[in-house]
Each structure stands twice: as structure tokens, then as C-alpha cells.
Amino acid sequence: MRKLPLLGLLSALSAVFAIPTAMAEPELSAQFSSCMDRSGGVTMAMMDCINAEHRRQDAKLNANYRALSARVSQPRRQQLLDVQRAWIRFRDLNCAFYDDPEGGSAARGAANSCFMEATAARAQELTLLMPPWVMGTFLTLFIKKSQLINVKVIHHSCHL
């Protein structure tokens, strides 16, 4: 195991706590990528790909939500439900705004893409909220995502 100086550890930990809200691109399926490649840039075909991926991501989000809900205490379960309902309301209002009535099919595509990407990002975020909160796991996820530093902290053991 590599020893981290205190300042380096604090920097890494501050970045770790930002993961749920600062994740980069959501992970979309290989089926989506393949479908978009086959669409040939045809709007209706692309919309079909986006809608199919949204359904896949929504199923993943629901599975991740159920798994997280099963792992938290009853008070946290209610809090999670409240947060999820607020997130759904935000996503729906935010993505609906993309669908400008004067924007034509491009606006409809942007709205559909917003729903798909927001749902995928939330599905990913829910996996990061799974207990137990093992700092080593979060630091490893951060390192994997950012590829900025190459340290591995195993569970709670940190040498200062």
C-alpha cells in the first residue's frame, strides 16, 4: 500500500465526497451506441435509440433504487423516497423545458436525450450511495473515474 501525505489524502477525500454530484458522463449501454451507429443520422431512428436506452436506464435506476432502499434504515428509507420523488420532479421539469414548442424535432430530441442521460446519471449515483460507506471503495471509484492519481486505499486503512 502506498502512503499518502496528509494534504494529498485530504485532497483525495474532498474529491471523493463530490463524486455523486460531479460525475462526468453517465454510462450508457453498448446497445445504445450500436443503435446510434446504425441510425445513420436519421432523426426518427435516433429517437428510437434514445427511447430504448431511456427504458433500459429507467429499469436500472429502479433496480438500484430498490437495492439501496433495502439496505438503509427505515428513517433513511423515507428520506430516500422523498429525495427520489424530488429528483423525479426536477428531472421531468428540467427535461420538459428542453422541448421548446418552436424548436421542432431537434428540441424533442434534446428533451428525450435529457431524460435518458439524467436517468442514467441518477442510476449511477444510486450505486455510489450504497452502504456501507467504505472510504477505500469511494477513493478507488474516484481514481478509476478520474485517472488523475494512482493510489489504492483498502477499506478504512490509511497511513498518515
Protein backbone atom coordinates (compact mmCIF):
# COMPACT_ATOMS: atom_id res chain seq x y z
CA MET A 1 0.00 0.00 0.00
CA ARG A 2 1.25 3.49 -0.79
CA LYS A 3 1.37 6.07 2.00
CA LEU A 4 -0.34 9.37 1.31
CA PRO A 5 0.82 12.68 2.73
CA LEU A 6 -1.90 14.37 4.80
CA LEU A 7 -2.54 17.12 2.25
CA GLY A 8 -2.81 14.58 -0.58
CA LEU A 9 -5.22 12.46 1.43
CA LEU A 10 -7.41 15.44 2.26
CA SER A 11 -7.48 16.49 -1.39
CA ALA A 12 -8.42 12.98 -2.48
CA LEU A 13 -11.13 12.74 0.18
CA SER A 14 -12.65 16.09 -0.77
CA ALA A 15 -12.85 14.90 -4.36
CA VAL A 16 -14.39 11.61 -3.24
CA PHE A 17 -17.27 13.35 -1.49
CA ALA A 18 -18.00 15.28 -4.69
CA ILE A 19 -18.48 12.13 -6.79
CA PRO A 20 -22.27 11.81 -6.53
CA THR A 21 -22.91 15.33 -7.75
CA ALA A 22 -19.96 15.80 -10.06
CA MET A 23 -19.94 12.59 -12.06
CA ALA A 24 -18.90 13.01 -15.62
CA GLU A 25 -20.82 11.29 -18.38
CA PRO A 26 -23.39 8.67 -17.47
CA GLU A 27 -22.64 5.12 -18.54
CA LEU A 28 -24.87 4.26 -21.49
CA SER A 29 -25.24 0.74 -22.88
CA ALA A 30 -23.36 -0.78 -25.79
CA GLN A 31 -26.78 -1.39 -27.38
CA PHE A 32 -27.36 2.37 -27.45
CA SER A 33 -24.02 3.07 -29.09
CA SER A 34 -24.62 0.36 -31.68
CA CYS A 35 -28.16 1.60 -32.34
CA MET A 36 -26.96 5.17 -32.86
CA ASP A 37 -24.28 3.94 -35.26
CA ARG A 38 -26.93 2.10 -37.27
CA SER A 39 -29.32 5.10 -37.25
CA GLY A 40 -27.34 6.84 -39.98
CA GLY A 41 -28.25 10.21 -38.51
CA VAL A 42 -31.95 9.72 -39.30
CA THR A 43 -33.91 11.59 -36.65
CA MET A 44 -36.66 9.02 -36.11
CA ALA A 45 -34.13 6.17 -35.86
CA MET A 46 -32.06 8.18 -33.37
CA MET A 47 -35.19 8.92 -31.32
CA ASP A 48 -35.97 5.19 -31.24
CA CYS A 49 -32.43 4.53 -29.94
CA ILE A 50 -32.76 7.23 -27.26
CA ASN A 51 -36.17 5.99 -26.15
CA ALA A 52 -34.97 2.37 -25.94
CA GLU A 53 -31.92 3.43 -23.90
CA HIS A 54 -34.11 5.53 -21.61
CA ARG A 55 -36.20 2.41 -20.89
CA ARG A 56 -33.02 0.42 -20.13
CA GLN A 57 -31.68 3.16 -17.87
CA ASP A 58 -35.04 3.54 -16.12
CA ALA A 59 -35.07 -0.20 -15.36
CA LYS A 60 -31.51 0.10 -13.99
CA LEU A 61 -32.49 3.15 -11.91
CA ASN A 62 -35.47 1.29 -10.42
CA ALA A 63 -33.34 -1.77 -9.60
CA ASN A 64 -30.66 0.42 -7.99
CA TYR A 65 -33.29 2.33 -6.02
CA ARG A 66 -34.84 -0.90 -4.69
CA ALA A 67 -31.40 -2.25 -3.75
CA LEU A 68 -30.45 0.95 -1.93
CA SER A 69 -33.82 1.17 -0.20
CA ALA A 70 -33.41 -2.38 1.09
CA ARG A 71 -30.00 -1.54 2.59
CA VAL A 72 -30.84 1.60 4.57
CA SER A 73 -32.67 2.09 7.87
CA GLN A 74 -36.37 2.99 7.94
CA PRO A 75 -35.76 6.73 8.60
CA ARG A 76 -33.23 6.82 5.75
CA ARG A 77 -35.66 4.87 3.53
CA GLN A 78 -38.26 7.63 3.94
CA GLN A 79 -35.62 10.26 3.26
CA LEU A 80 -34.54 8.36 0.14
CA LEU A 81 -38.15 8.20 -1.05
CA ASP A 82 -38.55 11.96 -0.54
CA VAL A 83 -35.29 12.67 -2.35
CA GLN A 84 -36.20 10.35 -5.23
CA ARG A 85 -39.59 11.99 -5.67
CA ALA A 86 -37.96 15.44 -5.68
CA TRP A 87 -35.34 14.25 -8.18
CA ILE A 88 -38.04 12.85 -10.50
CA ARG A 89 -39.92 16.14 -10.34
CA PHE A 90 -36.73 18.09 -11.10
CA ARG A 91 -35.78 15.76 -13.98
CA ASP A 92 -39.25 15.95 -15.50
CA LEU A 93 -39.48 19.75 -15.29
CA ASN A 94 -35.90 20.31 -16.41
CA CYS A 95 -36.06 17.97 -19.40
CA ALA A 96 -39.52 19.19 -20.43
CA PHE A 97 -38.02 22.68 -20.71
CA TYR A 98 -35.70 21.39 -23.46
CA ASP A 99 -38.76 20.58 -25.57
CA ASP A 100 -39.29 24.10 -26.90
CA PRO A 101 -42.53 24.16 -28.95
CA GLU A 102 -40.74 26.30 -31.53
CA GLY A 103 -37.69 24.05 -31.66
CA GLY A 104 -39.04 21.29 -33.89
CA SER A 105 -37.63 17.78 -33.88
CA ALA A 106 -34.26 19.00 -32.56
CA ALA A 107 -35.92 20.25 -29.37
CA ARG A 108 -37.84 16.97 -28.99
CA GLY A 109 -34.56 15.08 -29.43
CA ALA A 110 -32.84 17.27 -26.85
CA ALA A 111 -35.65 16.65 -24.36
CA ASN A 112 -35.56 12.88 -24.93
CA SER A 113 -31.79 12.88 -24.60
CA CYS A 114 -32.08 14.88 -21.36
CA PHE A 115 -34.45 12.28 -19.88
CA MET A 116 -32.15 9.44 -20.94
CA GLU A 117 -28.93 11.00 -19.64
CA ALA A 118 -30.43 12.28 -16.37
CA THR A 119 -31.91 8.85 -15.67
CA ALA A 120 -28.61 7.12 -16.42
CA ALA A 121 -26.72 9.55 -14.18
CA ARG A 122 -29.17 9.01 -11.31
CA ALA A 123 -28.95 5.23 -11.71
CA GLN A 124 -25.16 5.53 -11.41
CA GLU A 125 -25.42 7.90 -8.45
CA LEU A 126 -27.64 5.47 -6.53
CA THR A 127 -24.93 2.80 -6.76
CA LEU A 128 -22.47 5.22 -5.14
CA LEU A 129 -24.86 5.73 -2.23
CA MET A 130 -24.97 2.03 -1.33
CA PRO A 131 -23.83 1.34 2.23
CA PRO A 132 -21.53 0.54 3.81
CA TRP A 133 -19.73 3.82 3.27
CA VAL A 134 -16.30 2.30 2.79
CA MET A 135 -13.89 5.14 2.11
CA GLY A 136 -11.48 2.89 0.23
CA THR A 137 -14.26 1.96 -2.16
CA PHE A 138 -15.03 5.61 -2.83
CA LEU A 139 -11.39 6.51 -3.30
CA THR A 140 -10.92 3.59 -5.68
CA LEU A 141 -14.03 4.72 -7.64
CA PHE A 142 -12.67 8.25 -7.76
CA ILE A 143 -9.32 7.03 -9.03
CA LYS A 144 -10.96 4.82 -11.62
CA LYS A 145 -13.19 7.66 -12.84
CA SER A 146 -10.65 10.45 -12.90
CA GLN A 147 -7.46 8.52 -13.65
CA LEU A 148 -5.65 11.52 -12.16
CA ILE A 149 -3.90 9.72 -9.32
CA ASN A 150 -2.82 6.16 -8.81
CA VAL A 151 -3.26 5.20 -5.17
CA LYS A 152 -5.26 2.45 -3.63
CA VAL A 153 -6.69 2.71 -0.17
CA ILE A 154 -8.05 -0.55 1.14
CA HIS A 155 -11.18 -0.02 3.23
CA HIS A 156 -10.50 2.22 6.22
CA SER A 157 -6.74 1.76 6.46
CA CYS A 158 -4.84 4.93 5.67
CA HIS A 159 -1.28 5.59 6.75
CA LEU A 160 -0.62 9.24 7.53
